[in-house]
Amino acid sequence: MNTLLEQPAKTEKKIFRQCKDCPLNPSKTKTVAKIGMVATLGASAASGILKFKGAKPLHLWASIAFIGFTALHYAVSKKPRRTTR
């Protein structure tokens, strides 16, 4: 006879409510947003330090793209509102 209590395996996944029109699931969208934020931040930093012909426009557009990826990351990471009972 086994004296240890068996604990049920945790197979439940956290359910994320997603909009019907969104083509990507939240985990992929978060990953894309994080990769985009890292890439645009790196491009902005590199164009700020290095001196070459297209550095100013690259710095501007990389900064704007970083803000866009940050907004996407915030929108996907936001917890869904709880419905009232």
N, C-alpha and C. Protein backbone atom coordinates (compact mmCIF):
# COMPACT_ATOMS: atom_id res chain seq x y z
N MET A 1 0.83 -1.17 0.00
CA MET A 1 0.00 0.00 0.00
C MET A 1 0.88 1.25 0.00
N ASN A 2 0.56 2.16 -0.88
CA ASN A 2 1.33 3.38 -1.01
C ASN A 2 0.83 4.42 -0.01
N THR A 3 1.71 4.92 0.82
CA THR A 3 1.29 5.88 1.84
C THR A 3 1.39 7.32 1.37
N LEU A 4 2.03 7.55 0.24
CA LEU A 4 2.14 8.90 -0.29
C LEU A 4 0.85 9.27 -1.02
N LEU A 5 0.43 10.48 -0.83
CA LEU A 5 -0.74 10.95 -1.53
C LEU A 5 -0.36 11.35 -2.95
N GLU A 6 -1.10 10.86 -3.87
CA GLU A 6 -0.82 11.19 -5.27
C GLU A 6 -1.50 12.51 -5.60
N GLN A 7 -0.75 13.40 -6.17
CA GLN A 7 -1.30 14.69 -6.55
C GLN A 7 -1.64 14.64 -8.04
N PRO A 8 -2.77 15.21 -8.40
CA PRO A 8 -3.15 15.20 -9.82
C PRO A 8 -2.18 16.06 -10.63
N ALA A 9 -1.91 15.61 -11.82
CA ALA A 9 -1.00 16.35 -12.70
C ALA A 9 -1.66 17.64 -13.15
N LYS A 10 -0.87 18.70 -13.22
CA LYS A 10 -1.40 19.99 -13.66
C LYS A 10 -1.40 20.03 -15.18
N THR A 11 -2.53 19.72 -15.76
CA THR A 11 -2.65 19.74 -17.21
C THR A 11 -3.48 20.92 -17.69
N GLU A 12 -4.05 21.67 -16.77
CA GLU A 12 -4.84 22.82 -17.16
C GLU A 12 -3.93 23.94 -17.64
N LYS A 13 -4.26 24.48 -18.78
CA LYS A 13 -3.54 25.64 -19.29
C LYS A 13 -4.37 26.87 -19.02
N LYS A 14 -3.70 27.98 -18.83
CA LYS A 14 -4.39 29.23 -18.60
C LYS A 14 -5.07 29.64 -19.91
N ILE A 15 -6.35 29.86 -19.83
CA ILE A 15 -7.13 30.22 -21.02
C ILE A 15 -7.06 31.73 -21.20
N PHE A 16 -6.71 32.14 -22.40
CA PHE A 16 -6.61 33.55 -22.73
C PHE A 16 -7.73 33.88 -23.70
N ARG A 17 -8.52 34.87 -23.34
CA ARG A 17 -9.60 35.27 -24.24
C ARG A 17 -9.02 36.11 -25.36
N GLN A 18 -9.36 35.73 -26.57
CA GLN A 18 -8.79 36.39 -27.73
C GLN A 18 -9.90 36.93 -28.61
N CYS A 19 -9.63 38.01 -29.28
CA CYS A 19 -10.63 38.55 -30.20
C CYS A 19 -10.80 37.59 -31.38
N LYS A 20 -11.98 37.64 -31.98
CA LYS A 20 -12.28 36.72 -33.08
C LYS A 20 -11.53 37.06 -34.36
N ASP A 21 -11.21 38.33 -34.54
CA ASP A 21 -10.58 38.78 -35.78
C ASP A 21 -9.06 38.67 -35.76
N CYS A 22 -8.46 38.36 -34.61
CA CYS A 22 -7.01 38.33 -34.49
C CYS A 22 -6.45 37.06 -35.14
N PRO A 23 -5.58 37.19 -36.16
CA PRO A 23 -5.08 36.00 -36.85
C PRO A 23 -4.02 35.23 -36.06
N LEU A 24 -3.32 35.88 -35.14
CA LEU A 24 -2.27 35.21 -34.38
C LEU A 24 -2.73 34.93 -32.96
N ASN A 25 -2.24 33.85 -32.41
CA ASN A 25 -2.56 33.60 -31.00
C ASN A 25 -1.65 34.46 -30.13
N PRO A 26 -2.04 34.70 -28.87
CA PRO A 26 -1.30 35.65 -28.04
C PRO A 26 0.17 35.32 -27.83
N SER A 27 0.52 34.05 -27.71
CA SER A 27 1.92 33.73 -27.46
C SER A 27 2.80 34.09 -28.66
N LYS A 28 2.31 33.86 -29.87
CA LYS A 28 3.07 34.22 -31.07
C LYS A 28 3.16 35.74 -31.22
N THR A 29 2.07 36.42 -30.91
CA THR A 29 2.06 37.87 -31.02
C THR A 29 3.01 38.49 -30.00
N LYS A 30 3.04 37.94 -28.79
CA LYS A 30 3.98 38.44 -27.77
C LYS A 30 5.42 38.23 -28.23
N THR A 31 5.68 37.07 -28.80
CA THR A 31 7.04 36.76 -29.26
C THR A 31 7.45 37.70 -30.39
N VAL A 32 6.54 37.93 -31.33
CA VAL A 32 6.83 38.85 -32.44
C VAL A 32 7.07 40.25 -31.90
N ALA A 33 6.26 40.67 -30.94
CA ALA A 33 6.42 42.01 -30.37
C ALA A 33 7.75 42.15 -29.63
N LYS A 34 8.14 41.13 -28.88
CA LYS A 34 9.41 41.19 -28.16
C LYS A 34 10.60 41.22 -29.11
N ILE A 35 10.56 40.38 -30.14
CA ILE A 35 11.65 40.36 -31.13
C ILE A 35 11.72 41.70 -31.86
N GLY A 36 10.57 42.24 -32.22
CA GLY A 36 10.53 43.54 -32.89
C GLY A 36 11.06 44.65 -32.01
N MET A 37 10.71 44.62 -30.71
CA MET A 37 11.22 45.64 -29.80
C MET A 37 12.73 45.56 -29.67
N VAL A 38 13.27 44.37 -29.57
CA VAL A 38 14.72 44.21 -29.45
C VAL A 38 15.42 44.66 -30.72
N ALA A 39 14.88 44.27 -31.87
CA ALA A 39 15.51 44.63 -33.14
C ALA A 39 15.48 46.14 -33.38
N THR A 40 14.34 46.76 -33.13
CA THR A 40 14.25 48.20 -33.37
C THR A 40 15.05 49.01 -32.36
N LEU A 41 15.12 48.53 -31.13
CA LEU A 41 15.95 49.22 -30.13
C LEU A 41 17.43 49.11 -30.51
N GLY A 42 17.84 47.95 -31.00
CA GLY A 42 19.22 47.78 -31.46
C GLY A 42 19.54 48.65 -32.66
N ALA A 43 18.59 48.72 -33.61
CA ALA A 43 18.81 49.56 -34.79
C ALA A 43 18.86 51.04 -34.41
N SER A 44 18.02 51.43 -33.47
CA SER A 44 18.02 52.82 -33.02
C SER A 44 19.33 53.16 -32.30
N ALA A 45 19.79 52.26 -31.46
CA ALA A 45 21.05 52.49 -30.74
C ALA A 45 22.23 52.53 -31.71
N ALA A 46 22.25 51.61 -32.66
CA ALA A 46 23.35 51.56 -33.61
C ALA A 46 23.37 52.80 -34.50
N SER A 47 22.19 53.24 -34.93
CA SER A 47 22.15 54.42 -35.80
C SER A 47 22.43 55.70 -35.01
N GLY A 48 22.23 55.66 -33.70
CA GLY A 48 22.58 56.82 -32.88
C GLY A 48 24.07 56.93 -32.65
N ILE A 49 24.74 55.80 -32.60
CA ILE A 49 26.18 55.79 -32.33
C ILE A 49 26.99 55.93 -33.61
N LEU A 50 26.64 55.14 -34.62
CA LEU A 50 27.40 55.13 -35.86
C LEU A 50 27.07 56.32 -36.74
N LYS A 51 28.03 56.74 -37.49
CA LYS A 51 27.85 57.87 -38.41
C LYS A 51 27.91 57.36 -39.84
N PHE A 52 26.78 57.32 -40.49
CA PHE A 52 26.72 56.99 -41.91
C PHE A 52 25.58 57.78 -42.54
N LYS A 53 25.44 57.70 -43.85
CA LYS A 53 24.54 58.58 -44.58
C LYS A 53 23.08 58.47 -44.14
N GLY A 54 22.58 57.27 -43.95
CA GLY A 54 21.17 57.09 -43.61
C GLY A 54 20.89 56.90 -42.14
N ALA A 55 21.77 57.39 -41.30
CA ALA A 55 21.63 57.15 -39.86
C ALA A 55 20.43 57.90 -39.26
N LYS A 56 20.24 59.15 -39.67
CA LYS A 56 19.14 59.93 -39.08
C LYS A 56 17.77 59.37 -39.44
N PRO A 57 17.49 59.08 -40.71
CA PRO A 57 16.18 58.50 -41.02
C PRO A 57 15.99 57.12 -40.39
N LEU A 58 17.05 56.32 -40.36
CA LEU A 58 16.95 55.00 -39.73
C LEU A 58 16.64 55.13 -38.24
N HIS A 59 17.29 56.08 -37.58
CA HIS A 59 17.06 56.30 -36.16
C HIS A 59 15.61 56.72 -35.90
N LEU A 60 15.09 57.59 -36.73
CA LEU A 60 13.72 58.07 -36.59
C LEU A 60 12.72 56.93 -36.79
N TRP A 61 12.86 56.17 -37.88
CA TRP A 61 11.90 55.11 -38.18
C TRP A 61 12.03 53.93 -37.23
N ALA A 62 13.22 53.65 -36.76
CA ALA A 62 13.39 52.59 -35.77
C ALA A 62 12.74 52.97 -34.44
N SER A 63 12.83 54.24 -34.09
CA SER A 63 12.19 54.71 -32.86
C SER A 63 10.67 54.64 -32.96
N ILE A 64 10.13 55.02 -34.10
CA ILE A 64 8.67 54.93 -34.31
C ILE A 64 8.22 53.48 -34.30
N ALA A 65 8.98 52.60 -34.93
CA ALA A 65 8.64 51.18 -34.92
C ALA A 65 8.72 50.59 -33.52
N PHE A 66 9.68 51.05 -32.73
CA PHE A 66 9.79 50.59 -31.35
C PHE A 66 8.55 50.95 -30.55
N ILE A 67 8.06 52.16 -30.74
CA ILE A 67 6.84 52.58 -30.05
C ILE A 67 5.66 51.72 -30.50
N GLY A 68 5.60 51.40 -31.78
CA GLY A 68 4.52 50.53 -32.29
C GLY A 68 4.59 49.13 -31.71
N PHE A 69 5.77 48.55 -31.66
CA PHE A 69 5.92 47.21 -31.07
C PHE A 69 5.63 47.22 -29.57
N THR A 70 5.97 48.32 -28.91
CA THR A 70 5.66 48.44 -27.49
C THR A 70 4.15 48.48 -27.27
N ALA A 71 3.44 49.23 -28.11
CA ALA A 71 1.98 49.29 -28.01
C ALA A 71 1.36 47.92 -28.29
N LEU A 72 1.89 47.20 -29.28
CA LEU A 72 1.39 45.85 -29.56
C LEU A 72 1.62 44.93 -28.38
N HIS A 73 2.80 44.99 -27.79
CA HIS A 73 3.11 44.15 -26.64
C HIS A 73 2.19 44.47 -25.46
N TYR A 74 1.92 45.75 -25.24
CA TYR A 74 1.02 46.15 -24.17
C TYR A 74 -0.40 45.64 -24.43
N ALA A 75 -0.86 45.75 -25.67
CA ALA A 75 -2.22 45.32 -26.00
C ALA A 75 -2.40 43.82 -25.83
N VAL A 76 -1.39 43.05 -26.19
CA VAL A 76 -1.50 41.59 -26.08
C VAL A 76 -1.32 41.13 -24.64
N SER A 77 -0.49 41.82 -23.88
CA SER A 77 -0.21 41.41 -22.52
C SER A 77 -1.28 41.86 -21.52
N LYS A 78 -2.13 42.76 -21.93
CA LYS A 78 -3.16 43.26 -21.03
C LYS A 78 -4.13 42.15 -20.65
N LYS A 79 -4.42 42.04 -19.37
CA LYS A 79 -5.36 41.02 -18.91
C LYS A 79 -6.77 41.39 -19.33
N PRO A 80 -7.58 40.41 -19.71
CA PRO A 80 -8.95 40.73 -20.09
C PRO A 80 -9.74 41.21 -18.88
N ARG A 81 -10.66 42.12 -19.12
CA ARG A 81 -11.48 42.63 -18.03
C ARG A 81 -12.43 41.56 -17.54
N ARG A 82 -12.67 41.61 -16.27
CA ARG A 82 -13.58 40.65 -15.67
C ARG A 82 -15.01 41.12 -15.86
N THR A 83 -15.87 40.23 -16.29
CA THR A 83 -17.26 40.60 -16.50
C THR A 83 -17.97 40.65 -15.16
N THR A 84 -18.92 41.54 -15.05
CA THR A 84 -19.67 41.66 -13.80
C THR A 84 -20.69 40.54 -13.72
N ARG A 85 -20.98 40.19 -12.52
CA ARG A 85 -21.94 39.08 -12.35
C ARG A 85 -23.35 39.56 -12.24
